[in-house]
Amino acid sequence: MTNYFESLPLAGAEQLEQLSRLLFELRENRKTVLRRHGVDSEEALLDLVREGSVAEHPGYDDYLGACILDATREAVRSQMQAAVVELGG
């Protein structure tokens, strides 16, 4: 198996490692927020809030938090993809 990081400069490999770790943490924190309500998507949580199965507070707050975590994860993914291209990956 080829070690992808072997051909990268140290600073580039460190940057990708940090972004990768951040992606993991954002994904897992989003899952934790959604799991509190027994759902696997923001839309499902919002549906529970709308139908009254979950209290508006903290249900809607958790919905917003999960949306922010997902949007941030997408932004970091884009940043990571750009870094890979920049580093010649």
PDB file of N, CA and C in Angstrom:
ATOM      1  N   MET A   1       0.846  -1.181   0.000  1.00  0.00           N
ATOM      2  CA  MET A   1       0.000   0.000   0.000  1.00  0.00           C
ATOM      3  C   MET A   1       0.890   1.242   0.000  1.00  0.00           C
ATOM      4  N   THR A   2       0.564   2.180  -0.859  1.00  0.00           N
ATOM      5  CA  THR A   2       1.343   3.391  -0.982  1.00  0.00           C
ATOM      6  C   THR A   2       1.012   4.356   0.151  1.00  0.00           C
ATOM      7  N   ASN A   3       2.056   4.931   0.728  1.00  0.00           N
ATOM      8  CA  ASN A   3       1.862   5.939   1.770  1.00  0.00           C
ATOM      9  C   ASN A   3       1.733   7.297   1.089  1.00  0.00           C
ATOM     10  N   TYR A   4       0.522   7.797   1.010  1.00  0.00           N
ATOM     11  CA  TYR A   4       0.234   9.051   0.323  1.00  0.00           C
ATOM     12  C   TYR A   4       0.999  10.219   0.923  1.00  0.00           C
ATOM     13  N   PHE A   5       1.129  10.236   2.228  1.00  0.00           N
ATOM     14  CA  PHE A   5       1.752  11.363   2.913  1.00  0.00           C
ATOM     15  C   PHE A   5       3.268  11.396   2.731  1.00  0.00           C
ATOM     16  N   GLU A   6       3.858  10.286   2.321  1.00  0.00           N
ATOM     17  CA  GLU A   6       5.303  10.185   2.169  1.00  0.00           C
ATOM     18  C   GLU A   6       5.845  11.200   1.166  1.00  0.00           C
ATOM     19  N   SER A   7       5.089  11.468   0.116  1.00  0.00           N
ATOM     20  CA  SER A   7       5.562  12.368  -0.931  1.00  0.00           C
ATOM     21  C   SER A   7       5.211  13.835  -0.676  1.00  0.00           C
ATOM     22  N   LEU A   8       4.524  14.111   0.402  1.00  0.00           N
ATOM     23  CA  LEU A   8       4.116  15.483   0.707  1.00  0.00           C
ATOM     24  C   LEU A   8       5.139  16.179   1.587  1.00  0.00           C
ATOM     25  N   PRO A   9       5.258  17.494   1.432  1.00  0.00           N
ATOM     26  CA  PRO A   9       6.084  18.232   2.384  1.00  0.00           C
ATOM     27  C   PRO A   9       5.448  18.127   3.777  1.00  0.00           C
ATOM     28  N   LEU A  10       6.259  18.231   4.810  1.00  0.00           N
ATOM     29  CA  LEU A  10       5.778  18.078   6.182  1.00  0.00           C
ATOM     30  C   LEU A  10       4.602  19.005   6.479  1.00  0.00           C
ATOM     31  N   ALA A  11       4.714  20.261   6.105  1.00  0.00           N
ATOM     32  CA  ALA A  11       3.637  21.221   6.393  1.00  0.00           C
ATOM     33  C   ALA A  11       2.337  20.807   5.704  1.00  0.00           C
ATOM     34  N   GLY A  12       2.433  20.304   4.483  1.00  0.00           N
ATOM     35  CA  GLY A  12       1.240  19.864   3.760  1.00  0.00           C
ATOM     36  C   GLY A  12       0.606  18.647   4.404  1.00  0.00           C
ATOM     37  N   ALA A  13       1.445  17.701   4.811  1.00  0.00           N
ATOM     38  CA  ALA A  13       0.925  16.502   5.479  1.00  0.00           C
ATOM     39  C   ALA A  13       0.268  16.877   6.799  1.00  0.00           C
ATOM     40  N   GLU A  14       0.868  17.791   7.540  1.00  0.00           N
ATOM     41  CA  GLU A  14       0.273  18.231   8.812  1.00  0.00           C
ATOM     42  C   GLU A  14      -1.060  18.927   8.579  1.00  0.00           C
ATOM     43  N   GLN A  15      -1.123  19.751   7.540  1.00  0.00           N
ATOM     44  CA  GLN A  15      -2.369  20.449   7.219  1.00  0.00           C
ATOM     45  C   GLN A  15      -3.475  19.453   6.890  1.00  0.00           C
ATOM     46  N   LEU A  16      -3.166  18.461   6.071  1.00  0.00           N
ATOM     47  CA  LEU A  16      -4.167  17.462   5.709  1.00  0.00           C
ATOM     48  C   LEU A  16      -4.583  16.634   6.920  1.00  0.00           C
ATOM     49  N   GLU A  17      -3.630  16.331   7.786  1.00  0.00           N
ATOM     50  CA  GLU A  17      -3.977  15.584   8.997  1.00  0.00           C
ATOM     51  C   GLU A  17      -4.928  16.390   9.880  1.00  0.00           C
ATOM     52  N   GLN A  18      -4.649  17.674  10.055  1.00  0.00           N
ATOM     53  CA  GLN A  18      -5.519  18.519  10.876  1.00  0.00           C
ATOM     54  C   GLN A  18      -6.914  18.638  10.278  1.00  0.00           C
ATOM     55  N   LEU A  19      -6.978  18.834   8.971  1.00  0.00           N
ATOM     56  CA  LEU A  19      -8.281  18.929   8.313  1.00  0.00           C
ATOM     57  C   LEU A  19      -9.036  17.609   8.411  1.00  0.00           C
ATOM     58  N   SER A  20      -8.326  16.520   8.255  1.00  0.00           N
ATOM     59  CA  SER A  20      -8.944  15.204   8.359  1.00  0.00           C
ATOM     60  C   SER A  20      -9.495  14.965   9.761  1.00  0.00           C
ATOM     61  N   ARG A  21      -8.731  15.327  10.760  1.00  0.00           N
ATOM     62  CA  ARG A  21      -9.186  15.181  12.149  1.00  0.00           C
ATOM     63  C   ARG A  21     -10.417  16.057  12.407  1.00  0.00           C
ATOM     64  N   LEU A  22     -10.392  17.281  11.882  1.00  0.00           N
ATOM     65  CA  LEU A  22     -11.531  18.179  12.052  1.00  0.00           C
ATOM     66  C   LEU A  22     -12.770  17.615  11.367  1.00  0.00           C
ATOM     67  N   LEU A  23     -12.614  17.049  10.178  1.00  0.00           N
ATOM     68  CA  LEU A  23     -13.739  16.418   9.485  1.00  0.00           C
ATOM     69  C   LEU A  23     -14.344  15.307  10.334  1.00  0.00           C
ATOM     70  N   PHE A  24     -13.485  14.483  10.907  1.00  0.00           N
ATOM     71  CA  PHE A  24     -13.947  13.387  11.751  1.00  0.00           C
ATOM     72  C   PHE A  24     -14.725  13.917  12.951  1.00  0.00           C
ATOM     73  N   GLU A  25     -14.175  14.924  13.632  1.00  0.00           N
ATOM     74  CA  GLU A  25     -14.831  15.471  14.822  1.00  0.00           C
ATOM     75  C   GLU A  25     -16.173  16.113  14.482  1.00  0.00           C
ATOM     76  N   LEU A  26     -16.239  16.833  13.385  1.00  0.00           N
ATOM     77  CA  LEU A  26     -17.507  17.446  12.968  1.00  0.00           C
ATOM     78  C   LEU A  26     -18.550  16.379  12.661  1.00  0.00           C
ATOM     79  N   ARG A  27     -18.136  15.332  11.942  1.00  0.00           N
ATOM     80  CA  ARG A  27     -19.063  14.251  11.595  1.00  0.00           C
ATOM     81  C   ARG A  27     -19.584  13.553  12.847  1.00  0.00           C
ATOM     82  N   GLU A  28     -18.685  13.222  13.761  1.00  0.00           N
ATOM     83  CA  GLU A  28     -19.084  12.506  14.966  1.00  0.00           C
ATOM     84  C   GLU A  28     -19.943  13.370  15.889  1.00  0.00           C
ATOM     85  N   ASN A  29     -19.636  14.656  15.996  1.00  0.00           N
ATOM     86  CA  ASN A  29     -20.449  15.548  16.828  1.00  0.00           C
ATOM     87  C   ASN A  29     -21.847  15.711  16.251  1.00  0.00           C
ATOM     88  N   ARG A  30     -21.954  15.784  14.932  1.00  0.00           N
ATOM     89  CA  ARG A  30     -23.274  15.853  14.295  1.00  0.00           C
ATOM     90  C   ARG A  30     -24.065  14.594  14.606  1.00  0.00           C
ATOM     91  N   LYS A  31     -23.423  13.427  14.473  1.00  0.00           N
ATOM     92  CA  LYS A  31     -24.098  12.168  14.784  1.00  0.00           C
ATOM     93  C   LYS A  31     -24.577  12.149  16.234  1.00  0.00           C
ATOM     94  N   THR A  32     -23.771  12.648  17.141  1.00  0.00           N
ATOM     95  CA  THR A  32     -24.134  12.677  18.559  1.00  0.00           C
ATOM     96  C   THR A  32     -25.367  13.538  18.783  1.00  0.00           C
ATOM     97  N   VAL A  33     -25.401  14.711  18.164  1.00  0.00           N
ATOM     98  CA  VAL A  33     -26.552  15.612  18.315  1.00  0.00           C
ATOM     99  C   VAL A  33     -27.814  14.933  17.793  1.00  0.00           C
ATOM    100  N   LEU A  34     -27.738  14.318  16.633  1.00  0.00           N
ATOM    101  CA  LEU A  34     -28.912  13.671  16.042  1.00  0.00           C
ATOM    102  C   LEU A  34     -29.337  12.431  16.825  1.00  0.00           C
ATOM    103  N   ARG A  35     -28.360  11.682  17.292  1.00  0.00           N
ATOM    104  CA  ARG A  35     -28.644  10.451  18.042  1.00  0.00           C
ATOM    105  C   ARG A  35     -29.422  10.740  19.331  1.00  0.00           C
ATOM    106  N   ARG A  36     -29.211  11.922  19.906  1.00  0.00           N
ATOM    107  CA  ARG A  36     -29.962  12.308  21.120  1.00  0.00           C
ATOM    108  C   ARG A  36     -31.460  12.195  20.906  1.00  0.00           C
ATOM    109  N   HIS A  37     -31.869  12.363  19.655  1.00  0.00           N
ATOM    110  CA  HIS A  37     -33.293  12.354  19.327  1.00  0.00           C
ATOM    111  C   HIS A  37     -33.691  11.108  18.529  1.00  0.00           C
ATOM    112  N   GLY A  38     -32.748  10.189  18.355  1.00  0.00           N
ATOM    113  CA  GLY A  38     -33.041   8.945  17.663  1.00  0.00           C
ATOM    114  C   GLY A  38     -33.236   9.077  16.174  1.00  0.00           C
ATOM    115  N   VAL A  39     -32.580  10.060  15.562  1.00  0.00           N
ATOM    116  CA  VAL A  39     -32.700  10.276  14.117  1.00  0.00           C
ATOM    117  C   VAL A  39     -31.318  10.269  13.482  1.00  0.00           C
ATOM    118  N   ASP A  40     -31.297  10.208  12.153  1.00  0.00           N
ATOM    119  CA  ASP A  40     -30.003  10.230  11.470  1.00  0.00           C
ATOM    120  C   ASP A  40     -29.873  11.364  10.450  1.00  0.00           C
ATOM    121  N   SER A  41     -30.829  12.296  10.483  1.00  0.00           N
ATOM    122  CA  SER A  41     -30.726  13.448   9.586  1.00  0.00           C
ATOM    123  C   SER A  41     -31.378  14.669  10.232  1.00  0.00           C
ATOM    124  N   GLU A  42     -30.951  15.819   9.767  1.00  0.00           N
ATOM    125  CA  GLU A  42     -31.523  17.068  10.266  1.00  0.00           C
ATOM    126  C   GLU A  42     -33.007  17.157   9.911  1.00  0.00           C
ATOM    127  N   GLU A  43     -33.337  16.695   8.715  1.00  0.00           N
ATOM    128  CA  GLU A  43     -34.727  16.758   8.271  1.00  0.00           C
ATOM    129  C   GLU A  43     -35.634  15.924   9.175  1.00  0.00           C
ATOM    130  N   ALA A  44     -35.156  14.749   9.569  1.00  0.00           N
ATOM    131  CA  ALA A  44     -35.950  13.887  10.453  1.00  0.00           C
ATOM    132  C   ALA A  44     -36.145  14.545  11.815  1.00  0.00           C
ATOM    133  N   LEU A  45     -35.109  15.212  12.301  1.00  0.00           N
ATOM    134  CA  LEU A  45     -35.233  15.907  13.586  1.00  0.00           C
ATOM    135  C   LEU A  45     -36.220  17.065  13.470  1.00  0.00           C
ATOM    136  N   LEU A  46     -36.147  17.819  12.408  1.00  0.00           N
ATOM    137  CA  LEU A  46     -37.078  18.932  12.217  1.00  0.00           C
ATOM    138  C   LEU A  46     -38.515  18.422  12.119  1.00  0.00           C
ATOM    139  N   ASP A  47     -38.709  17.287  11.474  1.00  0.00           N
ATOM    140  CA  ASP A  47     -40.048  16.695  11.403  1.00  0.00           C
ATOM    141  C   ASP A  47     -40.573  16.359  12.803  1.00  0.00           C
ATOM    142  N   LEU A  48     -39.702  15.810  13.658  1.00  0.00           N
ATOM    143  CA  LEU A  48     -40.117  15.493  15.032  1.00  0.00           C
ATOM    144  C   LEU A  48     -40.505  16.748  15.804  1.00  0.00           C
ATOM    145  N   VAL A  49     -39.759  17.828  15.584  1.00  0.00           N
ATOM    146  CA  VAL A  49     -40.076  19.095  16.247  1.00  0.00           C
ATOM    147  C   VAL A  49     -41.417  19.608  15.744  1.00  0.00           C
ATOM    148  N   ARG A  50     -41.622  19.563  14.441  1.00  0.00           N
ATOM    149  CA  ARG A  50     -42.871  20.059  13.847  1.00  0.00           C
ATOM    150  C   ARG A  50     -44.090  19.303  14.350  1.00  0.00           C
ATOM    151  N   GLU A  51     -43.952  17.984  14.494  1.00  0.00           N
ATOM    152  CA  GLU A  51     -45.102  17.197  14.930  1.00  0.00           C
ATOM    153  C   GLU A  51     -45.253  17.155  16.443  1.00  0.00           C
ATOM    154  N   GLY A  52     -44.326  17.782  17.150  1.00  0.00           N
ATOM    155  CA  GLY A  52     -44.420  17.851  18.602  1.00  0.00           C
ATOM    156  C   GLY A  52     -43.882  16.641  19.342  1.00  0.00           C
ATOM    157  N   SER A  53     -43.260  15.716  18.635  1.00  0.00           N
ATOM    158  CA  SER A  53     -42.678  14.530  19.279  1.00  0.00           C
ATOM    159  C   SER A  53     -41.424  14.876  20.072  1.00  0.00           C
ATOM    160  N   VAL A  54     -40.792  15.971  19.684  1.00  0.00           N
ATOM    161  CA  VAL A  54     -39.609  16.480  20.388  1.00  0.00           C
ATOM    162  C   VAL A  54     -39.901  17.928  20.759  1.00  0.00           C
ATOM    163  N   ALA A  55     -39.570  18.277  21.994  1.00  0.00           N
ATOM    164  CA  ALA A  55     -39.797  19.660  22.439  1.00  0.00           C
ATOM    165  C   ALA A  55     -39.021  20.637  21.550  1.00  0.00           C
ATOM    166  N   GLU A  56     -39.632  21.785  21.325  1.00  0.00           N
ATOM    167  CA  GLU A  56     -38.999  22.788  20.469  1.00  0.00           C
ATOM    168  C   GLU A  56     -37.611  23.159  20.986  1.00  0.00           C
ATOM    169  N   HIS A  57     -37.518  23.267  22.297  1.00  0.00           N
ATOM    170  CA  HIS A  57     -36.209  23.532  22.914  1.00  0.00           C
ATOM    171  C   HIS A  57     -35.885  22.362  23.810  1.00  0.00           C
ATOM    172  N   PRO A  58     -34.880  21.585  23.569  1.00  0.00           N
ATOM    173  CA  PRO A  58     -33.720  21.862  22.717  1.00  0.00           C
ATOM    174  C   PRO A  58     -33.795  21.274  21.314  1.00  0.00           C
ATOM    175  N   GLY A  59     -34.907  20.696  20.899  1.00  0.00           N
ATOM    176  CA  GLY A  59     -34.990  20.041  19.597  1.00  0.00           C
ATOM    177  C   GLY A  59     -34.594  20.933  18.433  1.00  0.00           C
ATOM    178  N   TYR A  60     -35.166  22.123  18.390  1.00  0.00           N
ATOM    179  CA  TYR A  60     -34.846  23.018  17.276  1.00  0.00           C
ATOM    180  C   TYR A  60     -33.412  23.518  17.382  1.00  0.00           C
ATOM    181  N   ASP A  61     -32.959  23.763  18.600  1.00  0.00           N
ATOM    182  CA  ASP A  61     -31.563  24.167  18.793  1.00  0.00           C
ATOM    183  C   ASP A  61     -30.623  23.075  18.287  1.00  0.00           C
ATOM    184  N   ASP A  62     -30.955  21.823  18.584  1.00  0.00           N
ATOM    185  CA  ASP A  62     -30.134  20.717  18.106  1.00  0.00           C
ATOM    186  C   ASP A  62     -30.211  20.595  16.591  1.00  0.00           C
ATOM    187  N   TYR A  63     -31.375  20.847  16.031  1.00  0.00           N
ATOM    188  CA  TYR A  63     -31.523  20.852  14.578  1.00  0.00           C
ATOM    189  C   TYR A  63     -30.573  21.878  13.960  1.00  0.00           C
ATOM    190  N   LEU A  64     -30.602  23.108  14.492  1.00  0.00           N
ATOM    191  CA  LEU A  64     -29.718  24.160  13.975  1.00  0.00           C
ATOM    192  C   LEU A  64     -28.256  23.784  14.166  1.00  0.00           C
ATOM    193  N   GLY A  65     -27.922  23.233  15.330  1.00  0.00           N
ATOM    194  CA  GLY A  65     -26.548  22.827  15.598  1.00  0.00           C
ATOM    195  C   GLY A  65     -26.076  21.765  14.614  1.00  0.00           C
ATOM    196  N   ALA A  66     -26.925  20.781  14.342  1.00  0.00           N
ATOM    197  CA  ALA A  66     -26.565  19.731  13.393  1.00  0.00           C
ATOM    198  C   ALA A  66     -26.379  20.307  11.986  1.00  0.00           C
ATOM    199  N   CYS A  67     -27.232  21.253  11.625  1.00  0.00           N
ATOM    200  CA  CYS A  67     -27.094  21.903  10.312  1.00  0.00           C
ATOM    201  C   CYS A  67     -25.766  22.660  10.216  1.00  0.00           C
ATOM    202  N   ILE A  68     -25.419  23.367  11.269  1.00  0.00           N
ATOM    203  CA  ILE A  68     -24.161  24.126  11.283  1.00  0.00           C
ATOM    204  C   ILE A  68     -22.967  23.178  11.226  1.00  0.00           C
ATOM    205  N   LEU A  69     -23.023  22.087  11.988  1.00  0.00           N
ATOM    206  CA  LEU A  69     -21.930  21.117  11.956  1.00  0.00           C
ATOM    207  C   LEU A  69     -21.775  20.533  10.559  1.00  0.00           C
ATOM    208  N   ASP A  70     -22.880  20.226   9.901  1.00  0.00           N
ATOM    209  CA  ASP A  70     -22.813  19.647   8.559  1.00  0.00           C
ATOM    210  C   ASP A  70     -22.292  20.667   7.545  1.00  0.00           C
ATOM    211  N   ALA A  71     -22.750  21.907   7.636  1.00  0.00           N
ATOM    212  CA  ALA A  71     -22.279  22.945   6.717  1.00  0.00           C
ATOM    213  C   ALA A  71     -20.788  23.213   6.924  1.00  0.00           C
ATOM    214  N   THR A  72     -20.359  23.204   8.155  1.00  0.00           N
ATOM    215  CA  THR A  72     -18.939  23.400   8.447  1.00  0.00           C
ATOM    216  C   THR A  72     -18.119  22.237   7.911  1.00  0.00           C
ATOM    217  N   ARG A  73     -18.642  21.021   8.060  1.00  0.00           N
ATOM    218  CA  ARG A  73     -17.956  19.844   7.538  1.00  0.00           C
ATOM    219  C   ARG A  73     -17.794  19.949   6.020  1.00  0.00           C
ATOM    220  N   GLU A  74     -18.836  20.390   5.344  1.00  0.00           N
ATOM    221  CA  GLU A  74     -18.750  20.552   3.890  1.00  0.00           C
ATOM    222  C   GLU A  74     -17.712  21.608   3.505  1.00  0.00           C
ATOM    223  N   ALA A  75     -17.647  22.694   4.270  1.00  0.00           N
ATOM    224  CA  ALA A  75     -16.655  23.740   3.997  1.00  0.00           C
ATOM    225  C   ALA A  75     -15.238  23.206   4.213  1.00  0.00           C
ATOM    226  N   VAL A  76     -15.048  22.424   5.251  1.00  0.00           N
ATOM    227  CA  VAL A  76     -13.733  21.845   5.524  1.00  0.00           C
ATOM    228  C   VAL A  76     -13.374  20.827   4.449  1.00  0.00           C
ATOM    229  N   ARG A  77     -14.343  20.051   3.989  1.00  0.00           N
ATOM    230  CA  ARG A  77     -14.092  19.101   2.897  1.00  0.00           C
ATOM    231  C   ARG A  77     -13.602  19.836   1.654  1.00  0.00           C
ATOM    232  N   SER A  78     -14.249  20.947   1.333  1.00  0.00           N
ATOM    233  CA  SER A  78     -13.828  21.736   0.172  1.00  0.00           C
ATOM    234  C   SER A  78     -12.417  22.272   0.368  1.00  0.00           C
ATOM    235  N   GLN A  79     -12.134  22.723   1.569  1.00  0.00           N
ATOM    236  CA  GLN A  79     -10.803  23.235   1.889  1.00  0.00           C
ATOM    237  C   GLN A  79      -9.766  22.116   1.758  1.00  0.00           C
ATOM    238  N   MET A  80     -10.115  20.931   2.215  1.00  0.00           N
ATOM    239  CA  MET A  80      -9.199  19.800   2.131  1.00  0.00           C
ATOM    240  C   MET A  80      -8.966  19.404   0.673  1.00  0.00           C
ATOM    241  N   GLN A  81     -10.022  19.386  -0.118  1.00  0.00           N
ATOM    242  CA  GLN A  81      -9.874  19.060  -1.540  1.00  0.00           C
ATOM    243  C   GLN A  81      -8.971  20.071  -2.239  1.00  0.00           C
ATOM    244  N   ALA A  82      -9.140  21.346  -1.919  1.00  0.00           N
ATOM    245  CA  ALA A  82      -8.297  22.377  -2.503  1.00  0.00           C
ATOM    246  C   ALA A  82      -6.843  22.197  -2.079  1.00  0.00           C
ATOM    247  N   ALA A  83      -6.623  21.826  -0.821  1.00  0.00           N
ATOM    248  CA  ALA A  83      -5.272  21.611  -0.320  1.00  0.00           C
ATOM    249  C   ALA A  83      -4.618  20.427  -1.034  1.00  0.00           C
ATOM    250  N   VAL A  84      -5.391  19.366  -1.251  1.00  0.00           N
ATOM    251  CA  VAL A  84      -4.845  18.202  -1.956  1.00  0.00           C
ATOM    252  C   VAL A  84      -4.423  18.579  -3.374  1.00  0.00           C
ATOM    253  N   VAL A  85      -5.261  19.346  -4.052  1.00  0.00           N
ATOM    254  CA  VAL A  85      -4.929  19.780  -5.407  1.00  0.00           C
ATOM    255  C   VAL A  85      -3.683  20.661  -5.374  1.00  0.00           C
ATOM    256  N   GLU A  86      -3.644  21.572  -4.429  1.00  0.00           N
ATOM    257  CA  GLU A  86      -2.505  22.490  -4.308  1.00  0.00           C
ATOM    258  C   GLU A  86      -1.205  21.731  -4.027  1.00  0.00           C
ATOM    259  N   LEU A  87      -1.308  20.674  -3.257  1.00  0.00           N
ATOM    260  CA  LEU A  87      -0.122  19.901  -2.905  1.00  0.00           C
ATOM    261  C   LEU A  87       0.265  18.882  -3.983  1.00  0.00           C
ATOM    262  N   GLY A  88      -0.547  18.841  -5.039  1.00  0.00           N
ATOM    263  CA  GLY A  88      -0.223  17.948  -6.150  1.00  0.00           C
ATOM    264  C   GLY A  88      -0.759  16.543  -6.001  1.00  0.00           C
ATOM    265  N   GLY A  89      -1.854  16.400  -5.187  1.00  0.00           N
ATOM    266  CA  GLY A  89      -2.420  15.066  -4.965  1.00  0.00           C
ATOM    267  C   GLY A  89      -3.454  14.742  -5.901  1.00  0.00           C
TER     268      GLY A  89
END
